[in-house]
Amino acid sequence: MNIIFLGKFHGKPVRWQMGLVASSIVFSGFLSLMAAAGYWWGVSSGQLNQLADVEKELAQQKSLIATARTNAQSELDALAARLGLMQAHVTRLDALGERLVRISKLDSKEFNFKHAPAFGGPHEVDNGISVEFENVLGDLSDQLNNREQQLAILENVLMTKQVRQETRPSGRPITKGWTSSYYGKRTDPFTGKLEMHKGMDFAGREGSEIVAVSSGVVTWAGSRYGYGKLIEINHGHGYTTRYGHNAKILVNVGDVVEKGQAISLMGSTGRSTGPHVHYEVLFNDRQVDPLSFVQSRS
């Protein structure tokens, strides 16, 4: 088979005849060229697609990093704010502790809120801001624990002191009247003999109020030989008070009474020469002179 090409060259007709072998070579070359072009196009398109995917993934990673950075900064800001609140809390506790120590007149060296707890150690290279915050949190936690222990001890001391002050008898058992007899040896008005008077007598108008000199629990409310109508109150810490010769009892056994509460009305029952209250203070079941308790105003 022959392939004949007709054309013109410089205005003259040209005829070119190609044989079968040459025609096959040319045709094969053309097909190879087309195939190569197609392959190149396919490879180029695939690389472009891969590049687009990589760029898309990079964009996503950048977005995630930016979000994580924002979240981390927000958490650090919140942590910093929390640290500020904790430090302010420690400062307030210190101020409260110092004020309580001054008010209660305790030893300031024993309850020292002006100095932070002692701590120390070798310096470590900071590997990041998380280590710094962790150290600060640890220090604050130690300080708070220390202040909590000091305040707990201080509270116990103050409560014990307050309870003792509240349960210790103080003041007079009457609101109106006068002292008619003191504690100690005196001439007995019935026998005329020198005898021990183990209390104080407060005279007044019959029917006037008799009041508790401290808070406590009523352990006796009834008649007893020599005392007439008697009230006995246990105040704890070894203290007991008695109120004798009452005209009327206003409380019952087991009642809890407060300081200044009316417990009876003045009378002259029992071994008595006139309206008055026989007042006794007992410490560990033994009568003591009530005068120091009567003169106390705590």
Protein backbone atom coordinates (compact mmCIF):
# COMPACT_ATOMS: atom_id res chain seq x y z
CA MET A 1 0.00 0.00 0.00
CA ASN A 2 1.26 3.49 -0.92
CA ILE A 3 0.25 6.80 0.62
CA ILE A 4 0.49 9.72 -1.79
CA PHE A 5 0.61 13.32 -0.52
CA LEU A 6 -0.21 16.07 -3.02
CA GLY A 7 0.65 19.69 -2.45
CA LYS A 8 2.43 22.71 -3.80
CA PHE A 9 5.91 24.00 -3.10
CA HIS A 10 6.84 27.46 -4.44
CA GLY A 11 3.79 27.35 -6.69
CA LYS A 12 4.73 24.00 -8.25
CA PRO A 13 2.74 20.79 -7.76
CA VAL A 14 4.52 18.26 -5.49
CA ARG A 15 3.80 14.62 -5.16
CA TRP A 16 5.17 12.55 -2.29
CA GLN A 17 4.59 8.87 -2.10
CA MET A 18 5.17 6.91 1.11
CA GLY A 19 5.50 3.23 1.25
CA LEU A 20 3.76 0.81 3.60
CA VAL A 21 6.59 0.57 6.10
CA ALA A 22 7.07 4.26 6.32
CA SER A 23 3.35 4.79 6.66
CA SER A 24 3.22 2.30 9.55
CA ILE A 25 6.09 4.01 11.31
CA VAL A 26 4.53 7.43 10.96
CA PHE A 27 1.13 6.20 12.12
CA SER A 28 2.63 4.37 15.10
CA GLY A 29 4.56 7.44 16.06
CA PHE A 30 1.44 9.52 15.93
CA LEU A 31 -0.43 7.07 18.14
CA SER A 32 2.48 6.98 20.63
CA LEU A 33 2.53 10.73 20.74
CA MET A 34 -1.19 10.86 21.48
CA ALA A 35 -0.84 8.20 24.17
CA ALA A 36 2.05 10.07 25.80
CA ALA A 37 0.07 13.29 25.74
CA GLY A 38 -2.89 11.54 27.35
CA TYR A 39 -0.70 9.97 30.04
CA TRP A 40 0.95 13.30 30.80
CA TRP A 41 -2.43 14.94 31.07
CA GLY A 42 -3.70 12.24 33.42
CA VAL A 43 -0.62 12.41 35.64
CA SER A 44 -0.76 16.20 35.73
CA SER A 45 -4.45 16.13 36.67
CA GLY A 46 -3.79 13.62 39.46
CA GLN A 47 -0.96 15.66 40.91
CA LEU A 48 -3.12 18.74 40.82
CA ASN A 49 -5.86 16.88 42.70
CA GLN A 50 -3.35 15.60 45.27
CA LEU A 51 -1.95 19.08 45.72
CA ALA A 52 -5.43 20.44 46.28
CA ASP A 53 -6.09 17.74 48.90
CA VAL A 54 -2.84 18.53 50.67
CA GLU A 55 -3.62 22.25 50.71
CA LYS A 56 -7.10 21.51 52.05
CA GLU A 57 -5.70 19.33 54.83
CA LEU A 58 -3.12 21.96 55.72
CA ALA A 59 -5.87 24.54 55.98
CA GLN A 60 -7.84 22.26 58.29
CA GLN A 61 -4.77 21.65 60.47
CA LYS A 62 -4.11 25.40 60.68
CA SER A 63 -7.72 25.94 61.73
CA LEU A 64 -7.44 23.25 64.43
CA ILE A 65 -4.18 24.73 65.71
CA ALA A 66 -5.73 28.20 65.86
CA THR A 67 -8.76 26.82 67.76
CA ALA A 68 -6.55 24.90 70.18
CA ARG A 69 -4.42 27.99 70.77
CA THR A 70 -7.54 30.08 71.46
CA ASN A 71 -8.92 27.45 73.85
CA ALA A 72 -5.58 27.14 75.62
CA GLN A 73 -5.36 30.91 76.06
CA SER A 74 -8.92 31.00 77.41
CA GLU A 75 -8.08 28.25 79.89
CA LEU A 76 -4.94 30.06 80.97
CA ASP A 77 -6.91 33.28 81.43
CA ALA A 78 -9.51 31.43 83.51
CA LEU A 79 -6.76 29.77 85.55
CA ALA A 80 -5.06 33.10 86.13
CA ALA A 81 -8.36 34.59 87.32
CA ARG A 82 -8.86 31.63 89.64
CA LEU A 83 -5.37 32.08 91.06
CA GLY A 84 -6.16 35.74 91.69
CA LEU A 85 -9.31 34.79 93.61
CA MET A 86 -7.42 32.22 95.66
CA GLN A 87 -4.73 34.74 96.55
CA ALA A 88 -7.39 37.27 97.54
CA HIS A 89 -9.03 34.58 99.68
CA VAL A 90 -5.74 33.90 101.46
CA THR A 91 -5.32 37.63 102.11
CA ARG A 92 -8.82 37.88 103.61
CA LEU A 93 -8.19 34.84 105.81
CA ASP A 94 -4.95 36.38 107.04
CA ALA A 95 -6.73 39.64 107.88
CA LEU A 96 -9.53 37.78 109.67
CA GLY A 97 -7.06 35.69 111.64
CA GLU A 98 -5.05 38.71 112.75
CA ARG A 99 -8.22 40.54 113.81
CA LEU A 100 -9.45 37.55 115.82
CA VAL A 101 -6.07 37.21 117.53
CA ARG A 102 -6.18 40.90 118.52
CA ILE A 103 -9.78 40.74 119.75
CA SER A 104 -9.24 37.57 121.77
CA LYS A 105 -5.89 38.85 123.12
CA LEU A 106 -4.12 35.62 122.25
CA ASP A 107 -0.41 35.15 121.69
CA SER A 108 0.33 36.62 118.26
CA LYS A 109 3.48 34.50 118.00
CA GLU A 110 1.43 31.33 118.33
CA PHE A 111 -1.12 32.45 115.74
CA ASN A 112 1.03 34.37 113.27
CA PHE A 113 -0.94 35.24 110.13
CA LYS A 114 1.51 37.87 108.89
CA HIS A 115 4.07 35.39 107.61
CA ALA A 116 3.53 32.80 104.92
CA PRO A 117 4.32 29.16 105.67
CA ALA A 118 8.00 28.27 105.27
CA PHE A 119 8.79 26.48 102.02
CA GLY A 120 11.71 26.18 99.59
CA GLY A 121 13.74 23.84 97.40
CA PRO A 122 16.15 23.79 94.46
CA HIS A 123 15.28 25.76 91.34
CA GLU A 124 14.02 23.63 88.47
CA VAL A 125 14.16 24.63 84.82
CA ASP A 126 10.67 25.61 83.71
CA ASN A 127 9.49 23.34 80.94
CA GLY A 128 6.38 25.32 80.23
CA ILE A 129 3.72 27.59 81.64
CA SER A 130 1.78 24.58 82.96
CA VAL A 131 4.65 23.79 85.35
CA GLU A 132 4.63 27.37 86.62
CA PHE A 133 0.90 27.35 87.27
CA GLU A 134 1.14 23.95 88.92
CA ASN A 135 3.80 25.27 91.31
CA VAL A 136 1.72 28.35 92.14
CA LEU A 137 -1.35 26.21 92.76
CA GLY A 138 0.66 23.94 95.04
CA ASP A 139 1.94 26.90 97.07
CA LEU A 140 -1.55 28.36 97.40
CA SER A 141 -2.95 25.00 98.44
CA ASP A 142 -0.31 24.74 101.16
CA GLN A 143 -1.09 28.26 102.36
CA LEU A 144 -4.83 27.59 102.47
CA ASN A 145 -4.30 24.36 104.41
CA ASN A 146 -2.04 26.17 106.86
CA ARG A 147 -4.55 28.99 107.37
CA GLU A 148 -7.38 26.49 107.76
CA GLN A 149 -5.50 24.67 110.51
CA GLN A 150 -4.63 27.90 112.31
CA LEU A 151 -8.22 29.19 112.12
CA ALA A 152 -9.59 25.83 113.32
CA ILE A 153 -7.30 25.93 116.38
CA LEU A 154 -8.13 29.59 116.95
CA GLU A 155 -11.86 28.87 116.69
CA ASN A 156 -11.53 26.06 119.24
CA VAL A 157 -9.64 28.34 121.62
CA LEU A 158 -12.20 31.14 121.21
CA MET A 159 -15.16 28.78 121.58
CA THR A 160 -13.69 27.24 124.73
CA LYS A 161 -12.99 30.69 126.12
CA GLN A 162 -16.49 31.90 125.21
CA VAL A 163 -18.18 28.82 126.69
CA ARG A 164 -16.25 29.24 129.92
CA GLN A 165 -17.25 32.90 130.09
CA GLU A 166 -20.90 32.07 129.40
CA THR A 167 -21.06 29.21 131.93
CA ARG A 168 -19.12 30.98 134.68
CA PRO A 169 -21.55 32.61 137.16
CA SER A 170 -21.42 36.41 137.16
CA GLY A 171 -23.51 39.25 138.49
CA ARG A 172 -26.30 39.38 141.06
CA PRO A 173 -29.28 36.98 141.14
CA ILE A 174 -31.68 39.90 141.59
CA THR A 175 -32.66 42.90 139.46
CA LYS A 176 -33.70 45.03 142.46
CA GLY A 177 -32.70 44.82 146.10
CA TRP A 178 -29.65 44.87 148.36
CA THR A 179 -27.11 42.59 150.00
CA SER A 180 -28.27 41.61 153.50
CA SER A 181 -25.62 39.01 154.41
CA TYR A 182 -22.23 37.83 153.14
CA TYR A 183 -20.42 34.51 152.96
CA GLY A 184 -18.55 33.50 156.12
CA LYS A 185 -19.07 33.07 159.83
CA ARG A 186 -21.95 35.01 161.38
CA THR A 187 -24.39 34.87 164.27
CA ASP A 188 -27.26 32.61 163.33
CA PRO A 189 -30.54 34.64 163.60
CA PHE A 190 -32.44 31.62 165.00
CA THR A 191 -29.94 30.12 167.49
CA GLY A 192 -27.74 33.14 168.26
CA LYS A 193 -24.64 30.96 167.80
CA LEU A 194 -21.66 31.65 165.54
CA GLU A 195 -22.12 29.53 162.42
CA MET A 196 -20.79 29.35 158.88
CA HIS A 197 -22.97 31.02 156.27
CA LYS A 198 -22.14 29.34 152.93
CA GLY A 199 -23.77 31.88 150.64
CA MET A 200 -24.92 35.48 150.21
CA ASP A 201 -28.35 36.85 151.02
CA PHE A 202 -30.06 39.46 148.81
CA ALA A 203 -33.14 41.09 150.29
CA GLY A 204 -35.89 42.86 148.37
CA ARG A 205 -39.58 43.17 147.81
CA GLU A 206 -41.52 39.92 148.00
CA GLY A 207 -42.52 38.71 144.57
CA SER A 208 -39.63 40.44 142.77
CA GLU A 209 -37.82 38.40 140.13
CA ILE A 210 -34.87 36.10 140.81
CA VAL A 211 -32.68 35.61 137.70
CA ALA A 212 -30.12 33.03 136.60
CA VAL A 213 -26.58 34.32 136.84
CA SER A 214 -25.46 32.13 133.92
CA SER A 215 -26.87 29.75 131.35
CA GLY A 216 -27.32 26.13 132.39
CA VAL A 217 -29.70 23.25 133.10
CA VAL A 218 -32.11 23.13 136.05
CA THR A 219 -31.26 20.13 138.24
CA TRP A 220 -33.54 20.91 141.20
CA ALA A 221 -36.82 22.82 141.39
CA GLY A 222 -38.70 22.12 144.61
CA SER A 223 -38.60 22.19 148.37
CA ARG A 224 -35.49 21.24 150.37
CA TYR A 225 -34.94 21.33 154.10
CA GLY A 226 -33.67 24.71 155.29
CA TYR A 227 -33.82 26.26 151.79
CA GLY A 228 -37.58 26.31 151.43
CA LYS A 229 -38.44 26.38 147.71
CA LEU A 230 -35.04 25.89 146.04
CA ILE A 231 -33.72 26.07 142.49
CA GLU A 232 -30.39 24.51 141.53
CA ILE A 233 -28.74 25.11 138.14
CA ASN A 234 -25.77 23.21 136.70
CA HIS A 235 -23.69 25.48 134.47
CA GLY A 236 -21.02 22.97 133.45
CA HIS A 237 -17.26 23.16 133.97
CA GLY A 238 -17.84 22.32 137.64
CA TYR A 239 -20.11 25.31 138.43
CA THR A 240 -23.50 25.05 140.16
CA THR A 241 -25.68 27.81 141.67
CA ARG A 242 -28.50 27.63 144.20
CA TYR A 243 -31.38 30.06 144.86
CA GLY A 244 -33.34 29.50 148.08
CA HIS A 245 -36.42 30.74 149.98
CA ASN A 246 -38.44 31.44 146.80
CA ALA A 247 -42.14 32.26 146.93
CA LYS A 248 -42.80 30.72 143.49
CA ILE A 249 -40.70 28.62 141.12
CA LEU A 250 -40.98 29.48 137.41
CA VAL A 251 -38.87 26.63 135.91
CA ASN A 252 -38.84 22.84 135.96
CA VAL A 253 -36.11 20.23 136.28
CA GLY A 254 -34.46 19.70 132.89
CA ASP A 255 -35.20 23.20 131.60
CA VAL A 256 -32.37 25.02 129.84
CA VAL A 257 -32.13 28.59 131.13
CA GLU A 258 -30.16 31.57 129.90
CA LYS A 259 -28.27 34.22 131.81
CA GLY A 260 -30.67 36.90 133.10
CA GLN A 261 -33.78 34.70 132.71
CA ALA A 262 -36.34 34.94 135.53
CA ILE A 263 -36.44 31.59 137.32
CA SER A 264 -38.47 32.38 140.44
CA LEU A 265 -40.11 35.04 142.59
CA MET A 266 -38.57 36.23 145.85
CA GLY A 267 -40.13 34.91 149.03
CA SER A 268 -39.44 33.79 152.58
CA THR A 269 -40.04 30.04 152.53
CA GLY A 270 -37.96 27.66 154.62
CA ARG A 271 -35.63 28.88 157.37
CA SER A 272 -35.99 32.60 156.68
CA THR A 273 -36.72 35.81 158.59
CA GLY A 274 -38.04 37.80 155.61
CA PRO A 275 -38.21 38.10 151.81
CA HIS A 276 -34.77 37.42 150.36
CA VAL A 277 -32.86 34.93 148.18
CA HIS A 278 -30.11 32.79 149.64
CA TYR A 279 -27.57 32.53 146.82
CA GLU A 280 -24.81 29.90 146.70
CA VAL A 281 -22.05 29.15 144.20
CA LEU A 282 -20.61 25.64 144.16
CA PHE A 283 -17.45 24.60 142.35
CA ASN A 284 -16.91 20.86 142.05
CA ASP A 285 -19.75 20.34 144.60
CA ARG A 286 -18.21 22.62 147.27
CA GLN A 287 -19.60 26.02 148.29
CA VAL A 288 -17.28 28.93 147.57
CA ASP A 289 -17.54 32.64 148.34
CA PRO A 290 -19.97 34.12 145.73
CA LEU A 291 -18.62 37.67 146.13
CA SER A 292 -16.05 37.51 143.30
CA PHE A 293 -18.72 36.09 140.98
CA VAL A 294 -21.25 38.75 142.01
CA GLN A 295 -18.72 41.49 141.33
CA SER A 296 -17.81 39.99 137.95
CA ARG A 297 -19.56 41.63 134.98
CA SER A 298 -18.44 39.21 132.18
